[in-house]
PDB file of N, CA and C in Angstrom:
ATOM      1  N   MET A   1      -2.143   1.490 -29.800  1.00  0.00           N
ATOM      2  CA  MET A   1      -2.944   0.885 -28.510  1.00  0.00           C
ATOM      3  C   MET A   1      -2.222   1.528 -27.501  1.00  0.00           C
ATOM      4  N   ILE A   2      -3.150   1.698 -27.257  1.00  0.00           N
ATOM      5  CA  ILE A   2      -2.955   2.310 -26.178  1.00  0.00           C
ATOM      6  C   ILE A   2      -2.441   2.196 -24.492  1.00  0.00           C
ATOM      7  N   LYS A   3      -1.129   2.071 -23.673  1.00  0.00           N
ATOM      8  CA  LYS A   3      -2.057   1.362 -22.103  1.00  0.00           C
ATOM      9  C   LYS A   3      -1.565   1.967 -20.798  1.00  0.00           C
ATOM     10  N   ILE A   4      -3.215   2.332 -20.441  1.00  0.00           N
ATOM     11  CA  ILE A   4      -3.002   3.191 -19.202  1.00  0.00           C
ATOM     12  C   ILE A   4      -3.160   1.940 -17.659  1.00  0.00           C
ATOM     13  N   ASN A   5      -2.313   2.475 -16.828  1.00  0.00           N
ATOM     14  CA  ASN A   5      -2.358   1.078 -15.639  1.00  0.00           C
ATOM     15  C   ASN A   5      -3.652   2.431 -15.088  1.00  0.00           C
ATOM     16  N   ALA A   6      -3.973   0.994 -14.207  1.00  0.00           N
ATOM     17  CA  ALA A   6      -4.933   1.271 -13.168  1.00  0.00           C
ATOM     18  C   ALA A   6      -4.307   2.546 -12.553  1.00  0.00           C
ATOM     19  N   ILE A   7      -3.121   2.817 -12.308  1.00  0.00           N
ATOM     20  CA  ILE A   7      -2.896   3.926 -10.808  1.00  0.00           C
ATOM     21  C   ILE A   7      -3.350   5.533 -12.148  1.00  0.00           C
ATOM     22  N   THR A   8      -2.678   4.840 -13.039  1.00  0.00           N
ATOM     23  CA  THR A   8      -2.503   6.574 -13.956  1.00  0.00           C
ATOM     24  C   THR A   8      -3.957   6.963 -14.704  1.00  0.00           C
ATOM     25  N   ALA A   9      -4.686   5.769 -14.448  1.00  0.00           N
ATOM     26  CA  ALA A   9      -6.431   5.693 -14.414  1.00  0.00           C
ATOM     27  C   ALA A   9      -6.697   6.854 -13.664  1.00  0.00           C
ATOM     28  N   ILE A  10      -5.959   6.309 -12.711  1.00  0.00           N
ATOM     29  CA  ILE A  10      -7.189   6.791 -10.967  1.00  0.00           C
ATOM     30  C   ILE A  10      -6.709   8.144 -10.688  1.00  0.00           C
ATOM     31  N   ILE A  11      -5.091   8.866 -10.836  1.00  0.00           N
ATOM     32  CA  ILE A  11      -4.637  10.303 -11.194  1.00  0.00           C
ATOM     33  C   ILE A  11      -5.728  11.041 -11.464  1.00  0.00           C
ATOM     34  N   LYS A  12      -5.598  10.358 -12.769  1.00  0.00           N
ATOM     35  CA  LYS A  12      -6.304  11.540 -14.074  1.00  0.00           C
ATOM     36  C   LYS A  12      -7.461  11.608 -13.414  1.00  0.00           C
ATOM     37  N   ASP A  13      -8.478  10.505 -12.929  1.00  0.00           N
ATOM     38  CA  ASP A  13      -9.618  11.079 -12.912  1.00  0.00           C
ATOM     39  C   ASP A  13      -9.765  11.943 -11.344  1.00  0.00           C
ATOM     40  N   SER A  14      -8.789  11.160  -9.924  1.00  0.00           N
ATOM     41  CA  SER A  14      -8.623  12.094  -9.381  1.00  0.00           C
ATOM     42  C   SER A  14      -8.489  14.047  -9.679  1.00  0.00           C
ATOM     43  N   ALA A  15      -7.772  13.986  -9.951  1.00  0.00           N
ATOM     44  CA  ALA A  15      -7.573  15.184 -10.918  1.00  0.00           C
ATOM     45  C   ALA A  15      -8.177  15.783 -11.359  1.00  0.00           C
ATOM     46  N   SER A  16      -9.686  15.777 -12.235  1.00  0.00           N
ATOM     47  CA  SER A  16     -10.453  15.989 -13.240  1.00  0.00           C
ATOM     48  C   SER A  16     -10.885  16.772 -11.610  1.00  0.00           C
ATOM     49  N   ALA A  17     -11.725  17.744 -12.499  1.00  0.00           N
ATOM     50  CA  ALA A  17     -12.291  18.751 -11.759  1.00  0.00           C
ATOM     51  C   ALA A  17     -13.850  18.751 -11.484  1.00  0.00           C
ATOM     52  N   LYS A  18     -14.132  17.453 -12.104  1.00  0.00           N
ATOM     53  CA  LYS A  18     -15.630  17.163 -12.086  1.00  0.00           C
ATOM     54  C   LYS A  18     -16.278  15.728 -10.795  1.00  0.00           C
ATOM     55  N   LYS A  19     -14.429  15.383 -10.349  1.00  0.00           N
ATOM     56  CA  LYS A  19     -14.485  14.529  -9.482  1.00  0.00           C
ATOM     57  C   LYS A  19     -13.844  15.086  -8.341  1.00  0.00           C
ATOM     58  N   ARG A  20     -13.790  15.484  -7.064  1.00  0.00           N
ATOM     59  CA  ARG A  20     -13.605  15.904  -5.991  1.00  0.00           C
ATOM     60  C   ARG A  20     -12.582  14.867  -5.048  1.00  0.00           C
ATOM     61  N   TYR A  21     -12.287  13.581  -5.332  1.00  0.00           N
ATOM     62  CA  TYR A  21     -11.416  12.301  -5.249  1.00  0.00           C
ATOM     63  C   TYR A  21     -10.173  13.256  -4.751  1.00  0.00           C
ATOM     64  N   SER A  22      -9.450  12.954  -3.369  1.00  0.00           N
ATOM     65  CA  SER A  22      -8.667  12.894  -3.233  1.00  0.00           C
ATOM     66  C   SER A  22      -7.652  12.222  -3.066  1.00  0.00           C
ATOM     67  N   LEU A  23      -6.052  11.977  -2.958  1.00  0.00           N
ATOM     68  CA  LEU A  23      -5.272  10.252  -2.426  1.00  0.00           C
ATOM     69  C   LEU A  23      -4.513  10.604  -1.046  1.00  0.00           C
ATOM     70  N   TYR A  24      -4.691   9.771  -0.711  1.00  0.00           N
ATOM     71  CA  TYR A  24      -3.353   9.731   0.347  1.00  0.00           C
ATOM     72  C   TYR A  24      -2.483   8.842  -0.505  1.00  0.00           C
ATOM     73  N   LEU A  25      -1.539   9.328  -0.034  1.00  0.00           N
ATOM     74  CA  LEU A  25       0.304   8.980  -0.464  1.00  0.00           C
ATOM     75  C   LEU A  25       0.961   7.993   0.823  1.00  0.00           C
ATOM     76  N   LEU A  26       0.852   5.912   0.118  1.00  0.00           N
ATOM     77  CA  LEU A  26       1.653   5.807   1.674  1.00  0.00           C
ATOM     78  C   LEU A  26       2.389   4.633   1.174  1.00  0.00           C
ATOM     79  N   GLY A  27       3.496   4.719   1.691  1.00  0.00           N
ATOM     80  CA  GLY A  27       4.300   3.856   1.476  1.00  0.00           C
ATOM     81  C   GLY A  27       5.836   4.506   1.204  1.00  0.00           C
ATOM     82  N   SER A  28       7.098   3.375   0.881  1.00  0.00           N
ATOM     83  CA  SER A  28       8.364   4.095   0.310  1.00  0.00           C
ATOM     84  C   SER A  28       9.331   4.359   1.106  1.00  0.00           C
ATOM     85  N   TYR A  29      10.394   4.621   1.492  1.00  0.00           N
ATOM     86  CA  TYR A  29      11.062   5.129   2.138  1.00  0.00           C
ATOM     87  C   TYR A  29      10.392   6.693   2.091  1.00  0.00           C
ATOM     88  N   PRO A  30      11.315   7.324   4.084  1.00  0.00           N
ATOM     89  CA  PRO A  30      11.277   8.610   4.305  1.00  0.00           C
ATOM     90  C   PRO A  30      10.997   9.916   3.151  1.00  0.00           C
ATOM     91  N   GLY A  31       9.990  10.422   2.714  1.00  0.00           N
ATOM     92  CA  GLY A  31      11.207  11.170   1.639  1.00  0.00           C
ATOM     93  C   GLY A  31       9.864  11.240   0.375  1.00  0.00           C
ATOM     94  N   VAL A  32       9.979   9.857  -0.418  1.00  0.00           N
ATOM     95  CA  VAL A  32       9.905   9.778  -1.330  1.00  0.00           C
ATOM     96  C   VAL A  32       8.430   9.819  -1.741  1.00  0.00           C
ATOM     97  N   ALA A  33       6.938   9.991  -0.493  1.00  0.00           N
ATOM     98  CA  ALA A  33       6.245  10.577  -1.057  1.00  0.00           C
ATOM     99  C   ALA A  33       5.446  11.841  -0.758  1.00  0.00           C
ATOM    100  N   SER A  34       6.204  12.179  -0.407  1.00  0.00           N
ATOM    101  CA  SER A  34       5.803  13.563   0.006  1.00  0.00           C
ATOM    102  C   SER A  34       6.848  14.335  -1.188  1.00  0.00           C
ATOM    103  N   GLU A  35       7.057  13.854  -1.979  1.00  0.00           N
ATOM    104  CA  GLU A  35       8.422  14.248  -3.739  1.00  0.00           C
ATOM    105  C   GLU A  35       6.949  13.555  -4.527  1.00  0.00           C
ATOM    106  N   ALA A  36       7.039  12.859  -4.594  1.00  0.00           N
ATOM    107  CA  ALA A  36       5.767  12.475  -5.628  1.00  0.00           C
ATOM    108  C   ALA A  36       4.616  12.949  -5.376  1.00  0.00           C
ATOM    109  N   ALA A  37       4.328  13.893  -4.301  1.00  0.00           N
ATOM    110  CA  ALA A  37       2.632  14.583  -3.875  1.00  0.00           C
ATOM    111  C   ALA A  37       3.591  15.585  -4.679  1.00  0.00           C
ATOM    112  N   LEU A  38       4.561  16.122  -4.864  1.00  0.00           N
ATOM    113  CA  LEU A  38       5.208  17.700  -5.189  1.00  0.00           C
ATOM    114  C   LEU A  38       4.828  17.359  -6.736  1.00  0.00           C
ATOM    115  N   ASN A  39       4.903  16.219  -7.281  1.00  0.00           N
ATOM    116  CA  ASN A  39       5.352  16.085  -8.288  1.00  0.00           C
ATOM    117  C   ASN A  39       3.633  15.899  -9.199  1.00  0.00           C
ATOM    118  N   LEU A  40       3.391  15.122  -8.610  1.00  0.00           N
ATOM    119  CA  LEU A  40       1.667  15.153  -9.363  1.00  0.00           C
ATOM    120  C   LEU A  40       0.830  16.081  -9.627  1.00  0.00           C
ATOM    121  N   THR A  41       1.117  16.944  -8.245  1.00  0.00           N
ATOM    122  CA  THR A  41       0.422  18.778  -8.042  1.00  0.00           C
ATOM    123  C   THR A  41       1.000  19.410  -9.126  1.00  0.00           C
ATOM    124  N   LYS A  42       2.460  19.122  -9.700  1.00  0.00           N
ATOM    125  CA  LYS A  42       3.128  19.751 -10.621  1.00  0.00           C
ATOM    126  C   LYS A  42       2.010  19.469 -12.428  1.00  0.00           C
ATOM    127  N   LYS A  43       2.049  17.760 -12.222  1.00  0.00           N
ATOM    128  CA  LYS A  43       1.594  16.884 -13.305  1.00  0.00           C
ATOM    129  C   LYS A  43       0.179  17.658 -13.548  1.00  0.00           C
ATOM    130  N   TYR A  44      -0.981  17.369 -11.928  1.00  0.00           N
ATOM    131  CA  TYR A  44      -2.278  17.389 -11.956  1.00  0.00           C
ATOM    132  C   TYR A  44      -3.006  18.648 -10.986  1.00  0.00           C
ATOM    133  N   PRO A  45      -2.253  20.184 -11.438  1.00  0.00           N
ATOM    134  CA  PRO A  45      -2.840  20.911 -11.155  1.00  0.00           C
ATOM    135  C   PRO A  45      -3.811  20.946 -10.655  1.00  0.00           C
ATOM    136  N   GLY A  46      -5.390  20.352 -10.765  1.00  0.00           N
ATOM    137  CA  GLY A  46      -6.145  20.319  -9.643  1.00  0.00           C
ATOM    138  C   GLY A  46      -6.455  18.565  -8.589  1.00  0.00           C
ATOM    139  N   ILE A  47      -5.231  18.019  -8.588  1.00  0.00           N
ATOM    140  CA  ILE A  47      -5.292  17.086  -8.266  1.00  0.00           C
ATOM    141  C   ILE A  47      -5.213  17.280  -6.583  1.00  0.00           C
ATOM    142  N   LYS A  48      -5.891  16.852  -5.681  1.00  0.00           N
ATOM    143  CA  LYS A  48      -6.064  17.841  -4.253  1.00  0.00           C
ATOM    144  C   LYS A  48      -5.108  15.889  -3.251  1.00  0.00           C
ATOM    145  N   ILE A  49      -4.322  16.139  -2.760  1.00  0.00           N
ATOM    146  CA  ILE A  49      -3.313  15.388  -1.981  1.00  0.00           C
ATOM    147  C   ILE A  49      -3.935  15.379  -0.396  1.00  0.00           C
ATOM    148  N   ALA A  50      -4.598  14.490  -0.031  1.00  0.00           N
ATOM    149  CA  ALA A  50      -4.897  14.287   1.271  1.00  0.00           C
ATOM    150  C   ALA A  50      -3.348  14.341   2.517  1.00  0.00           C
ATOM    151  N   GLY A  51      -2.720  14.186   1.967  1.00  0.00           N
ATOM    152  CA  GLY A  51      -1.229  13.547   3.119  1.00  0.00           C
ATOM    153  C   GLY A  51      -0.530  12.562   2.419  1.00  0.00           C
ATOM    154  N   THR A  52       0.437  12.329   3.179  1.00  0.00           N
ATOM    155  CA  THR A  52       1.711  11.128   2.660  1.00  0.00           C
ATOM    156  C   THR A  52       2.111  10.881   4.020  1.00  0.00           C
ATOM    157  N   HIS A  53       2.872   9.536   3.894  1.00  0.00           N
ATOM    158  CA  HIS A  53       3.226   9.216   4.815  1.00  0.00           C
ATOM    159  C   HIS A  53       4.066   8.682   4.199  1.00  0.00           C
ATOM    160  N   HIS A  54       5.660   7.674   5.198  1.00  0.00           N
ATOM    161  CA  HIS A  54       6.754   7.078   4.238  1.00  0.00           C
ATOM    162  C   HIS A  54       6.181   5.284   4.496  1.00  0.00           C
ATOM    163  N   GLY A  55       5.048   5.164   5.721  1.00  0.00           N
ATOM    164  CA  GLY A  55       5.141   3.788   5.017  1.00  0.00           C
ATOM    165  C   GLY A  55       4.956   2.927   7.023  1.00  0.00           C
ATOM    166  N   TYR A  56       6.246   2.973   7.556  1.00  0.00           N
ATOM    167  CA  TYR A  56       7.399   2.764   8.618  1.00  0.00           C
ATOM    168  C   TYR A  56       6.442   3.494   9.781  1.00  0.00           C
ATOM    169  N   PHE A  57       5.573   1.818  10.288  1.00  0.00           N
ATOM    170  CA  PHE A  57       5.089   2.399  11.380  1.00  0.00           C
ATOM    171  C   PHE A  57       5.394   1.410  12.659  1.00  0.00           C
ATOM    172  N   GLY A  58       6.135   2.217  14.004  1.00  0.00           N
ATOM    173  CA  GLY A  58       6.267   1.365  15.151  1.00  0.00           C
ATOM    174  C   GLY A  58       4.746   1.450  15.814  1.00  0.00           C
ATOM    175  N   TYR A  59       4.673   1.101  16.811  1.00  0.00           N
ATOM    176  CA  TYR A  59       4.017   0.659  18.237  1.00  0.00           C
ATOM    177  C   TYR A  59       3.639   2.197  17.975  1.00  0.00           C
ATOM    178  N   GLU A  60       4.692   3.277  18.409  1.00  0.00           N
ATOM    179  CA  GLU A  60       4.451   4.558  19.132  1.00  0.00           C
ATOM    180  C   GLU A  60       3.991   5.109  18.028  1.00  0.00           C
ATOM    181  N   ASP A  61       2.942   4.712  16.707  1.00  0.00           N
ATOM    182  CA  ASP A  61       2.884   5.471  16.098  1.00  0.00           C
ATOM    183  C   ASP A  61       1.377   4.546  16.314  1.00  0.00           C
ATOM    184  N   TYR A  62       0.563   4.965  16.372  1.00  0.00           N
ATOM    185  CA  TYR A  62      -0.520   4.263  16.330  1.00  0.00           C
ATOM    186  C   TYR A  62      -1.157   5.311  16.502  1.00  0.00           C
ATOM    187  N   GLN A  63      -1.001   6.661  16.523  1.00  0.00           N
ATOM    188  CA  GLN A  63      -1.761   7.964  16.494  1.00  0.00           C
ATOM    189  C   GLN A  63      -2.281   8.337  15.527  1.00  0.00           C
ATOM    190  N   ASN A  64      -1.354   7.978  14.118  1.00  0.00           N
ATOM    191  CA  ASN A  64      -0.554   7.724  12.964  1.00  0.00           C
ATOM    192  C   ASN A  64      -1.608   6.845  11.722  1.00  0.00           C
ATOM    193  N   CYS A  65      -1.133   5.865  12.071  1.00  0.00           N
ATOM    194  CA  CYS A  65      -2.355   4.928  12.105  1.00  0.00           C
ATOM    195  C   CYS A  65      -3.747   4.975  12.109  1.00  0.00           C
ATOM    196  N   GLU A  66      -3.563   5.532  13.278  1.00  0.00           N
ATOM    197  CA  GLU A  66      -5.442   5.612  12.736  1.00  0.00           C
ATOM    198  C   GLU A  66      -6.513   7.061  12.531  1.00  0.00           C
ATOM    199  N   ASP A  67      -4.844   7.886  11.963  1.00  0.00           N
ATOM    200  CA  ASP A  67      -5.287   8.992  10.726  1.00  0.00           C
ATOM    201  C   ASP A  67      -5.333   8.060   9.510  1.00  0.00           C
ATOM    202  N   VAL A  68      -4.082   7.487   8.714  1.00  0.00           N
ATOM    203  CA  VAL A  68      -4.434   7.688   7.833  1.00  0.00           C
ATOM    204  C   VAL A  68      -5.706   6.477   7.540  1.00  0.00           C
ATOM    205  N   LYS A  69      -5.823   5.691   8.299  1.00  0.00           N
ATOM    206  CA  LYS A  69      -7.114   4.982   8.289  1.00  0.00           C
ATOM    207  C   LYS A  69      -8.072   5.149   8.780  1.00  0.00           C
ATOM    208  N   ASN A  70      -8.110   6.576   8.708  1.00  0.00           N
ATOM    209  CA  ASN A  70      -9.706   7.430   8.729  1.00  0.00           C
ATOM    210  C   ASN A  70      -9.628   8.685   7.697  1.00  0.00           C
ATOM    211  N   GLY A  71      -8.410   8.735   7.102  1.00  0.00           N
ATOM    212  CA  GLY A  71      -8.378   9.505   6.595  1.00  0.00           C
ATOM    213  C   GLY A  71      -8.229  10.637   6.584  1.00  0.00           C
ATOM    214  N   ASN A  72      -8.094  11.225   8.827  1.00  0.00           N
ATOM    215  CA  ASN A  72      -7.956  12.480   8.733  1.00  0.00           C
ATOM    216  C   ASN A  72      -6.429  13.289   8.930  1.00  0.00           C
ATOM    217  N   ASN A  73      -5.732  12.111   7.740  1.00  0.00           N
ATOM    218  CA  ASN A  73      -4.548  13.268   8.211  1.00  0.00           C
ATOM    219  C   ASN A  73      -3.949  14.289   6.836  1.00  0.00           C
ATOM    220  N   ASN A  74      -4.168  15.313   6.853  1.00  0.00           N
ATOM    221  CA  ASN A  74      -4.261  16.241   6.152  1.00  0.00           C
ATOM    222  C   ASN A  74      -3.448  17.603   5.902  1.00  0.00           C
ATOM    223  N   LYS A  75      -1.888  16.256   7.095  1.00  0.00           N
ATOM    224  CA  LYS A  75      -0.106  17.105   6.711  1.00  0.00           C
ATOM    225  C   LYS A  75       0.105  16.125   6.137  1.00  0.00           C
ATOM    226  N   ASN A  76       1.536  16.380   6.054  1.00  0.00           N
ATOM    227  CA  ASN A  76       2.844  15.368   5.763  1.00  0.00           C
ATOM    228  C   ASN A  76       3.012  14.578   7.146  1.00  0.00           C
ATOM    229  N   LYS A  77       3.596  13.728   7.051  1.00  0.00           N
ATOM    230  CA  LYS A  77       4.016  12.536   7.906  1.00  0.00           C
ATOM    231  C   LYS A  77       5.017  12.069   7.777  1.00  0.00           C
ATOM    232  N   GLU A  78       5.989  12.375   7.437  1.00  0.00           N
ATOM    233  CA  GLU A  78       7.271  12.053   7.136  1.00  0.00           C
ATOM    234  C   GLU A  78       8.399  12.443   7.280  1.00  0.00           C
ATOM    235  N   GLU A  79       8.427  13.000   8.012  1.00  0.00           N
ATOM    236  CA  GLU A  79       9.277  13.608   9.117  1.00  0.00           C
ATOM    237  C   GLU A  79      10.064  11.999   8.883  1.00  0.00           C
TER     238      GLU A  79
END
């Protein structure tokens, strides 16, 4: 029996050359999502990471929230 969780299936499907999906990694402590993105690009060279963000949003981060919601963030927001 082979066990595959949904996240693994999504990642493998996203890395497929046939599908042009991209992933936005959101959540965890600062630096974790960007490290995960680095590890995913090493393991799945065809994967496209649209961006990362640690997931801590304050009132001053309204534009970051809009970028994440609209998928407009192509850069790392893990500062």
